[in-house]
């Protein structure tokens, strides 16, 4: 598959957004969020289901590239 003509700007913008979302700042925020949610779950101040949703969301955010690559490989391999 090739990119359509003129899509270079969009691809660069999406790559910048991906780098920003998966960079050091996002990793730091995710670590703090998981630690805070884990502490709240241990002290009984938050429902375990809501805590699990936050943790699964972090896995999906940082594993999105691998998830998409697996779906593409399955679709192409047929």
N, C-alpha and C. Protein backbone atom coordinates (compact mmCIF):
# COMPACT_ATOMS: atom_id res chain seq x y z
N UNK A 1 0.83 -1.18 0.00
CA UNK A 1 0.00 0.00 0.00
C UNK A 1 0.88 1.25 0.00
N UNK A 2 0.49 2.21 -0.79
CA UNK A 2 1.22 3.47 -0.82
C UNK A 2 0.31 4.58 -0.34
N UNK A 3 0.93 5.64 0.16
CA UNK A 3 0.16 6.79 0.62
C UNK A 3 -0.30 7.60 -0.58
N UNK A 4 -1.51 8.15 -0.54
CA UNK A 4 -1.97 9.00 -1.64
C UNK A 4 -1.13 10.27 -1.74
N UNK A 5 -1.15 10.88 -2.91
CA UNK A 5 -0.39 12.10 -3.13
C UNK A 5 -0.87 13.21 -2.19
N UNK A 6 0.06 13.95 -1.63
CA UNK A 6 -0.29 15.06 -0.76
C UNK A 6 -0.56 14.68 0.68
N UNK A 7 -0.39 13.42 1.03
CA UNK A 7 -0.70 13.00 2.40
C UNK A 7 0.51 13.09 3.33
N UNK A 8 1.64 13.55 2.82
CA UNK A 8 2.85 13.64 3.63
C UNK A 8 2.68 14.53 4.84
N UNK A 9 1.96 15.63 4.68
CA UNK A 9 1.75 16.56 5.79
C UNK A 9 0.90 15.89 6.87
N UNK A 10 -0.13 15.18 6.45
CA UNK A 10 -0.99 14.50 7.42
C UNK A 10 -0.23 13.38 8.14
N UNK A 11 0.56 12.65 7.41
CA UNK A 11 1.34 11.57 8.02
C UNK A 11 2.33 12.14 9.03
N UNK A 12 2.98 13.25 8.67
CA UNK A 12 3.91 13.88 9.61
C UNK A 12 3.18 14.39 10.85
N UNK A 13 1.99 14.95 10.69
CA UNK A 13 1.21 15.43 11.83
C UNK A 13 0.81 14.28 12.74
N UNK A 14 0.39 13.18 12.17
CA UNK A 14 -0.01 12.03 12.97
C UNK A 14 1.20 11.43 13.68
N UNK A 15 2.34 11.38 13.02
CA UNK A 15 3.56 10.88 13.66
C UNK A 15 3.97 11.78 14.82
N UNK A 16 3.83 13.11 14.66
CA UNK A 16 4.13 14.03 15.76
C UNK A 16 3.18 13.79 16.93
N UNK A 17 1.89 13.62 16.62
CA UNK A 17 0.90 13.38 17.67
C UNK A 17 1.20 12.07 18.39
N UNK A 18 1.57 11.04 17.65
CA UNK A 18 1.91 9.76 18.26
C UNK A 18 3.13 9.90 19.16
N UNK A 19 4.14 10.62 18.70
CA UNK A 19 5.33 10.83 19.52
C UNK A 19 5.02 11.60 20.80
N UNK A 20 4.11 12.56 20.69
CA UNK A 20 3.71 13.33 21.87
C UNK A 20 2.93 12.46 22.84
N UNK A 21 2.00 11.68 22.34
CA UNK A 21 1.16 10.87 23.21
C UNK A 21 1.92 9.70 23.85
N UNK A 22 2.94 9.22 23.17
CA UNK A 22 3.67 8.07 23.69
C UNK A 22 5.05 8.45 24.24
N UNK A 23 5.30 9.74 24.40
CA UNK A 23 6.59 10.22 24.85
C UNK A 23 6.76 10.11 26.36
N UNK A 24 7.78 10.80 26.84
CA UNK A 24 8.14 10.75 28.25
C UNK A 24 7.04 11.31 29.14
N UNK A 25 6.41 12.39 28.70
CA UNK A 25 5.35 13.00 29.51
C UNK A 25 4.19 12.03 29.70
N UNK A 26 3.77 11.40 28.61
CA UNK A 26 2.66 10.45 28.71
C UNK A 26 3.01 9.25 29.57
N UNK A 27 4.23 8.78 29.46
CA UNK A 27 4.66 7.66 30.28
C UNK A 27 4.66 8.03 31.75
N UNK A 28 5.13 9.22 32.06
CA UNK A 28 5.15 9.68 33.44
C UNK A 28 3.74 9.81 34.01
N UNK A 29 2.84 10.39 33.22
CA UNK A 29 1.45 10.55 33.65
C UNK A 29 0.79 9.19 33.86
N UNK A 30 1.07 8.24 32.97
CA UNK A 30 0.49 6.90 33.11
C UNK A 30 1.00 6.20 34.36
N UNK A 31 2.28 6.34 34.66
CA UNK A 31 2.83 5.71 35.86
C UNK A 31 2.19 6.31 37.11
N UNK A 32 2.04 7.63 37.14
CA UNK A 32 1.41 8.28 38.29
C UNK A 32 -0.05 7.85 38.41
N UNK A 33 -0.75 7.77 37.27
CA UNK A 33 -2.16 7.36 37.31
C UNK A 33 -2.32 5.94 37.83
N UNK A 34 -1.49 5.03 37.35
CA UNK A 34 -1.58 3.64 37.81
C UNK A 34 -1.24 3.54 39.30
N UNK A 35 -0.24 4.29 39.74
CA UNK A 35 0.13 4.27 41.16
C UNK A 35 -1.01 4.83 42.01
N UNK A 36 -1.60 5.94 41.58
CA UNK A 36 -2.69 6.55 42.35
C UNK A 36 -3.91 5.64 42.39
N UNK A 37 -4.26 5.07 41.26
CA UNK A 37 -5.42 4.18 41.20
C UNK A 37 -5.15 2.92 42.03
N UNK A 38 -3.93 2.40 41.97
CA UNK A 38 -3.60 1.24 42.78
C UNK A 38 -3.71 1.53 44.27
N UNK A 39 -3.25 2.71 44.68
CA UNK A 39 -3.37 3.09 46.08
C UNK A 39 -4.84 3.24 46.48
N UNK A 40 -5.66 3.86 45.61
CA UNK A 40 -7.08 4.01 45.91
C UNK A 40 -7.79 2.66 45.97
N UNK A 41 -7.38 1.74 45.12
CA UNK A 41 -7.99 0.41 45.14
C UNK A 41 -7.62 -0.33 46.43
N UNK A 42 -6.38 -0.19 46.87
CA UNK A 42 -5.94 -0.87 48.08
C UNK A 42 -6.59 -0.31 49.34
N UNK A 43 -6.89 0.97 49.33
CA UNK A 43 -7.53 1.57 50.50
C UNK A 43 -9.05 1.49 50.45
N UNK A 44 -9.59 0.97 49.38
CA UNK A 44 -11.03 0.79 49.28
C UNK A 44 -11.80 2.04 48.90
N UNK A 45 -11.13 3.03 48.35
CA UNK A 45 -11.80 4.28 47.99
C UNK A 45 -12.31 4.30 46.56
N UNK A 46 -11.93 3.32 45.77
CA UNK A 46 -12.39 3.24 44.38
C UNK A 46 -12.77 1.79 44.09
N UNK A 47 -13.78 1.65 43.27
CA UNK A 47 -14.24 0.33 42.87
C UNK A 47 -13.15 -0.37 42.05
N UNK A 48 -13.00 -1.66 42.24
CA UNK A 48 -11.99 -2.41 41.51
C UNK A 48 -12.23 -2.37 40.00
N UNK A 49 -13.48 -2.32 39.59
CA UNK A 49 -13.80 -2.27 38.17
C UNK A 49 -13.28 -0.98 37.54
N UNK A 50 -13.48 0.15 38.21
CA UNK A 50 -13.01 1.43 37.69
C UNK A 50 -11.48 1.48 37.66
N UNK A 51 -10.85 0.89 38.65
CA UNK A 51 -9.40 0.82 38.66
C UNK A 51 -8.86 -0.03 37.52
N UNK A 52 -9.51 -1.13 37.26
CA UNK A 52 -9.08 -2.01 36.17
C UNK A 52 -9.25 -1.32 34.82
N UNK A 53 -10.29 -0.50 34.68
CA UNK A 53 -10.50 0.22 33.42
C UNK A 53 -9.34 1.19 33.17
N UNK A 54 -8.86 1.87 34.18
CA UNK A 54 -7.72 2.79 34.02
C UNK A 54 -6.47 2.02 33.60
N UNK A 55 -6.22 0.92 34.24
CA UNK A 55 -5.03 0.14 33.94
C UNK A 55 -5.10 -0.47 32.54
N UNK A 56 -6.26 -1.00 32.15
CA UNK A 56 -6.43 -1.55 30.80
C UNK A 56 -6.30 -0.44 29.77
N UNK A 57 -6.81 0.75 30.08
CA UNK A 57 -6.68 1.89 29.17
C UNK A 57 -5.22 2.23 28.91
N UNK A 58 -4.38 2.16 29.92
CA UNK A 58 -2.95 2.41 29.73
C UNK A 58 -2.32 1.35 28.83
N UNK A 59 -2.70 0.10 29.03
CA UNK A 59 -2.19 -0.96 28.15
C UNK A 59 -2.61 -0.73 26.71
N UNK A 60 -3.85 -0.33 26.49
CA UNK A 60 -4.33 -0.09 25.13
C UNK A 60 -3.61 1.11 24.52
N UNK A 61 -3.42 2.17 25.29
CA UNK A 61 -2.74 3.36 24.77
C UNK A 61 -1.33 3.05 24.32
N UNK A 62 -0.57 2.37 25.16
CA UNK A 62 0.83 2.11 24.82
C UNK A 62 1.00 0.89 23.93
N UNK A 63 0.00 0.04 23.81
CA UNK A 63 0.09 -1.12 22.94
C UNK A 63 -0.67 -0.97 21.63
N UNK A 64 -1.15 0.25 21.35
CA UNK A 64 -1.98 0.46 20.16
C UNK A 64 -1.24 0.10 18.87
N UNK A 65 0.03 0.45 18.77
CA UNK A 65 0.79 0.15 17.55
C UNK A 65 0.88 -1.36 17.34
N UNK A 66 1.10 -2.11 18.39
CA UNK A 66 1.18 -3.57 18.27
C UNK A 66 -0.17 -4.18 17.93
N UNK A 67 -1.23 -3.63 18.51
CA UNK A 67 -2.58 -4.12 18.23
C UNK A 67 -2.92 -3.91 16.77
N UNK A 68 -2.64 -2.71 16.26
CA UNK A 68 -2.94 -2.42 14.85
C UNK A 68 -2.09 -3.28 13.93
N UNK A 69 -0.82 -3.47 14.27
CA UNK A 69 0.05 -4.32 13.44
C UNK A 69 -0.48 -5.76 13.38
N UNK A 70 -0.98 -6.26 14.51
CA UNK A 70 -1.56 -7.61 14.51
C UNK A 70 -2.82 -7.71 13.67
N UNK A 71 -3.66 -6.70 13.75
CA UNK A 71 -4.89 -6.69 12.94
C UNK A 71 -4.55 -6.61 11.46
N UNK A 72 -3.59 -5.76 11.11
CA UNK A 72 -3.18 -5.64 9.69
C UNK A 72 -2.59 -6.95 9.17
N UNK A 73 -1.76 -7.59 9.99
CA UNK A 73 -1.15 -8.85 9.56
C UNK A 73 -2.21 -9.93 9.36
N UNK A 74 -3.21 -9.93 10.23
CA UNK A 74 -4.30 -10.90 10.09
C UNK A 74 -5.11 -10.62 8.85
N UNK A 75 -5.39 -9.35 8.58
CA UNK A 75 -6.21 -8.99 7.42
C UNK A 75 -5.48 -9.27 6.11
N UNK A 76 -4.18 -9.00 6.08
CA UNK A 76 -3.42 -9.22 4.84
C UNK A 76 -3.16 -10.70 4.63
N UNK A 77 -2.86 -11.40 5.73
CA UNK A 77 -2.57 -12.85 5.64
C UNK A 77 -3.80 -13.67 5.34
N UNK A 78 -4.95 -13.09 5.61
CA UNK A 78 -6.20 -13.63 5.26
C UNK A 78 -6.76 -14.81 5.82
